[in-house]
C-alpha atoms as a PDB file:
ATOM      1  CA  UNK A   1     131.693-194.688 197.848  1.00  0.00           C
ATOM      2  CA  UNK A   2     133.649-191.683 199.070  1.00  0.00           C
ATOM      3  CA  UNK A   3     137.396-191.114 198.970  1.00  0.00           C
ATOM      4  CA  UNK A   4     138.065-192.322 202.523  1.00  0.00           C
ATOM      5  CA  UNK A   5     136.225-195.601 202.000  1.00  0.00           C
ATOM      6  CA  UNK A   6     138.274-196.293 198.869  1.00  0.00           C
ATOM      7  CA  UNK A   7     141.492-195.619 200.756  1.00  0.00           C
ATOM      8  CA  UNK A   8     140.495-197.905 203.647  1.00  0.00           C
ATOM      9  CA  UNK A   9     139.459-200.641 201.216  1.00  0.00           C
ATOM     10  CA  UNK A  10     142.668-200.333 199.183  1.00  0.00           C
ATOM     11  CA  UNK A  11     144.920-200.380 202.236  1.00  0.00           C
ATOM     12  CA  UNK A  12     143.052-203.386 203.659  1.00  0.00           C
ATOM     13  CA  UNK A  13     143.400-205.345 200.418  1.00  0.00           C
ATOM     14  CA  UNK A  14     147.115-204.512 200.181  1.00  0.00           C
ATOM     15  CA  UNK A  15     147.529-205.503 203.842  1.00  0.00           C
ATOM     16  CA  UNK A  16     145.726-208.790 203.216  1.00  0.00           C
ATOM     17  CA  UNK A  17     148.001-209.543 200.266  1.00  0.00           C
ATOM     18  CA  UNK A  18     151.092-208.767 202.374  1.00  0.00           C
ATOM     19  CA  UNK A  19     149.748-210.907 205.214  1.00  0.00           C
ATOM     20  CA  UNK A  20     149.136-213.866 202.912  1.00  0.00           C
ATOM     21  CA  UNK A  21     152.641-213.524 201.460  1.00  0.00           C
ATOM     22  CA  UNK A  22     154.209-213.369 204.922  1.00  0.00           C
ATOM     23  CA  UNK A  23     152.292-216.405 206.153  1.00  0.00           C
ATOM     24  CA  UNK A  24     153.222-218.475 203.104  1.00  0.00           C
ATOM     25  CA  UNK A  25     156.886-217.573 202.647  1.00  0.00           C
ATOM     26  CA  UNK A  26     158.313-216.878 206.108  1.00  0.00           C
ATOM     27  CA  UNK A  27     158.359-218.180 209.647  1.00  0.00           C
ATOM     28  CA  UNK A  28     158.497-216.172 212.886  1.00  0.00           C
ATOM     29  CA  UNK A  29     162.077-217.243 213.548  1.00  0.00           C
ATOM     30  CA  UNK A  30     163.431-216.019 210.229  1.00  0.00           C
ATOM     31  CA  UNK A  31     161.403-212.844 209.839  1.00  0.00           C
ATOM     32  CA  UNK A  32     162.919-210.908 212.753  1.00  0.00           C
ATOM     33  CA  UNK A  33     161.529-208.088 214.901  1.00  0.00           C
ATOM     34  CA  UNK A  34     160.683-205.790 211.993  1.00  0.00           C
ATOM     35  CA  UNK A  35     158.757-208.602 210.315  1.00  0.00           C
ATOM     36  CA  UNK A  36     156.776-209.260 213.482  1.00  0.00           C
ATOM     37  CA  UNK A  37     155.915-205.552 213.637  1.00  0.00           C
ATOM     38  CA  UNK A  38     154.887-205.670 209.975  1.00  0.00           C
ATOM     39  CA  UNK A  39     152.755-208.753 210.673  1.00  0.00           C
ATOM     40  CA  UNK A  40     150.825-207.086 213.496  1.00  0.00           C
ATOM     41  CA  UNK A  41     150.437-203.905 211.443  1.00  0.00           C
ATOM     42  CA  UNK A  42     148.962-205.798 208.508  1.00  0.00           C
ATOM     43  CA  UNK A  43     146.636-207.743 210.817  1.00  0.00           C
ATOM     44  CA  UNK A  44     145.442-204.422 212.227  1.00  0.00           C
ATOM     45  CA  UNK A  45     144.943-202.897 208.771  1.00  0.00           C
ATOM     46  CA  UNK A  46     142.926-205.868 207.556  1.00  0.00           C
ATOM     47  CA  UNK A  47     140.876-205.865 210.770  1.00  0.00           C
ATOM     48  CA  UNK A  48     140.278-202.120 210.424  1.00  0.00           C
ATOM     49  CA  UNK A  49     138.939-202.536 206.891  1.00  0.00           C
ATOM     50  CA  UNK A  50     136.716-205.429 207.922  1.00  0.00           C
ATOM     51  CA  UNK A  51     135.388-203.626 210.995  1.00  0.00           C
ATOM     52  CA  UNK A  52     134.706-200.481 208.967  1.00  0.00           C
ATOM     53  CA  UNK A  53     132.596-202.512 206.571  1.00  0.00           C
ATOM     54  CA  UNK A  54     130.781-204.394 209.353  1.00  0.00           C
ATOM     55  CA  UNK A  55     130.024-201.297 211.432  1.00  0.00           C
ATOM     56  CA  UNK A  56     128.858-199.380 208.374  1.00  0.00           C
ATOM     57  CA  UNK A  57     126.544-202.279 207.471  1.00  0.00           C
ATOM     58  CA  UNK A  58     125.300-202.594 211.052  1.00  0.00           C
ATOM     59  CA  UNK A  59     124.340-198.917 211.281  1.00  0.00           C
ATOM     60  CA  UNK A  60     122.671-199.059 207.911  1.00  0.00           C
ATOM     61  CA  UNK A  61     120.579-202.141 208.778  1.00  0.00           C
ATOM     62  CA  UNK A  62     119.895-201.593 212.487  1.00  0.00           C
ATOM     63  CA  UNK A  63     119.293-197.850 212.548  1.00  0.00           C
ATOM     64  CA  UNK A  64     118.394-197.205 208.900  1.00  0.00           C
ATOM     65  CA  UNK A  65     120.742-194.247 208.834  1.00  0.00           C
ATOM     66  CA  UNK A  66     124.184-193.249 207.743  1.00  0.00           C
ATOM     67  CA  UNK A  67     126.799-192.681 210.459  1.00  0.00           C
ATOM     68  CA  UNK A  68     129.289-189.873 209.941  1.00  0.00           C
ATOM     69  CA  UNK A  69     132.750-190.889 208.754  1.00  0.00           C
ATOM     70  CA  UNK A  70     134.863-189.858 211.716  1.00  0.00           C
ATOM     71  CA  UNK A  71     132.675-191.666 214.245  1.00  0.00           C
ATOM     72  CA  UNK A  72     132.590-194.776 212.059  1.00  0.00           C
ATOM     73  CA  UNK A  73     136.389-194.835 211.821  1.00  0.00           C
ATOM     74  CA  UNK A  74     136.788-194.367 215.576  1.00  0.00           C
ATOM     75  CA  UNK A  75     134.454-197.270 216.300  1.00  0.00           C
ATOM     76  CA  UNK A  76     136.275-199.401 213.730  1.00  0.00           C
ATOM     77  CA  UNK A  77     139.720-198.478 215.085  1.00  0.00           C
ATOM     78  CA  UNK A  78     138.758-199.723 218.538  1.00  0.00           C
ATOM     79  CA  UNK A  79     137.151-202.915 217.272  1.00  0.00           C
ATOM     80  CA  UNK A  80     140.114-203.634 214.981  1.00  0.00           C
ATOM     81  CA  UNK A  81     142.385-203.829 217.989  1.00  0.00           C
ATOM     82  CA  UNK A  82     140.511-206.866 219.394  1.00  0.00           C
ATOM     83  CA  UNK A  83     142.366-209.473 217.251  1.00  0.00           C
ATOM     84  CA  UNK A  84     145.689-207.945 218.304  1.00  0.00           C
ATOM     85  CA  UNK A  85     144.709-208.198 221.981  1.00  0.00           C
ATOM     86  CA  UNK A  86     143.586-211.791 221.511  1.00  0.00           C
ATOM     87  CA  UNK A  87     146.866-212.727 219.800  1.00  0.00           C
ATOM     88  CA  UNK A  88     148.790-211.026 222.591  1.00  0.00           C
ATOM     89  CA  UNK A  89     146.855-212.952 225.241  1.00  0.00           C
ATOM     90  CA  UNK A  90     147.383-216.168 223.279  1.00  0.00           C
ATOM     91  CA  UNK A  91     151.137-215.575 223.117  1.00  0.00           C
ATOM     92  CA  UNK A  92     151.190-215.265 226.909  1.00  0.00           C
ATOM     93  CA  UNK A  93     149.088-218.423 227.196  1.00  0.00           C
ATOM     94  CA  UNK A  94     146.356-216.539 229.011  1.00  0.00           C
ATOM     95  CA  UNK A  95     143.258-217.160 226.912  1.00  0.00           C
ATOM     96  CA  UNK A  96     140.515-217.851 229.411  1.00  0.00           C
ATOM     97  CA  UNK A  97     137.142-216.441 230.373  1.00  0.00           C
ATOM     98  CA  UNK A  98     138.711-213.750 232.562  1.00  0.00           C
ATOM     99  CA  UNK A  99     140.947-212.448 229.751  1.00  0.00           C
ATOM    100  CA  UNK A 100     138.137-212.399 227.221  1.00  0.00           C
ATOM    101  CA  UNK A 101     135.896-210.618 229.741  1.00  0.00           C
ATOM    102  CA  UNK A 102     138.541-207.933 230.259  1.00  0.00           C
ATOM    103  CA  UNK A 103     138.965-207.444 226.514  1.00  0.00           C
ATOM    104  CA  UNK A 104     135.195-207.077 226.111  1.00  0.00           C
ATOM    105  CA  UNK A 105     135.124-204.598 228.989  1.00  0.00           C
ATOM    106  CA  UNK A 106     137.952-202.586 227.444  1.00  0.00           C
ATOM    107  CA  UNK A 107     136.192-202.454 224.075  1.00  0.00           C
ATOM    108  CA  UNK A 108     132.876-201.503 225.688  1.00  0.00           C
ATOM    109  CA  UNK A 109     134.469-198.674 227.685  1.00  0.00           C
ATOM    110  CA  UNK A 110     136.419-197.368 224.707  1.00  0.00           C
ATOM    111  CA  UNK A 111     133.340-197.441 222.457  1.00  0.00           C
ATOM    112  CA  UNK A 112     131.297-195.728 225.173  1.00  0.00           C
ATOM    113  CA  UNK A 113     133.948-193.005 225.415  1.00  0.00           C
ATOM    114  CA  UNK A 114     133.775-192.452 221.651  1.00  0.00           C
ATOM    115  CA  UNK A 115     129.982-192.339 221.829  1.00  0.00           C
ATOM    116  CA  UNK A 116     130.032-189.699 224.599  1.00  0.00           C
ATOM    117  CA  UNK A 117     132.860-187.541 223.224  1.00  0.00           C
ATOM    118  CA  UNK A 118     131.732-187.316 219.590  1.00  0.00           C
END
């Protein structure tokens, strides 16, 4: 495991611990705006670590090859934003087929852009 993978794993585990602590000891009304920002940041960090692992595994199994680090992290960064978009849509009360279709379209276009540019 290289240096970058260890950093991503460490940050994801620390983010998961912070997320669990926030969910167990606070509520949205008492945490304030900075706490909400911290919550979404930790959700993103945990999602980024999970997506990095899943994409790395997918490329290894499906294509039997190693993907370079920068491309892997770009793919993971886009995919890690999906839970944030879903939570945002849920907070607006707009989770329906149309919203999910637009999120999938956004992710597809962003991943396609990464594929073409790198």
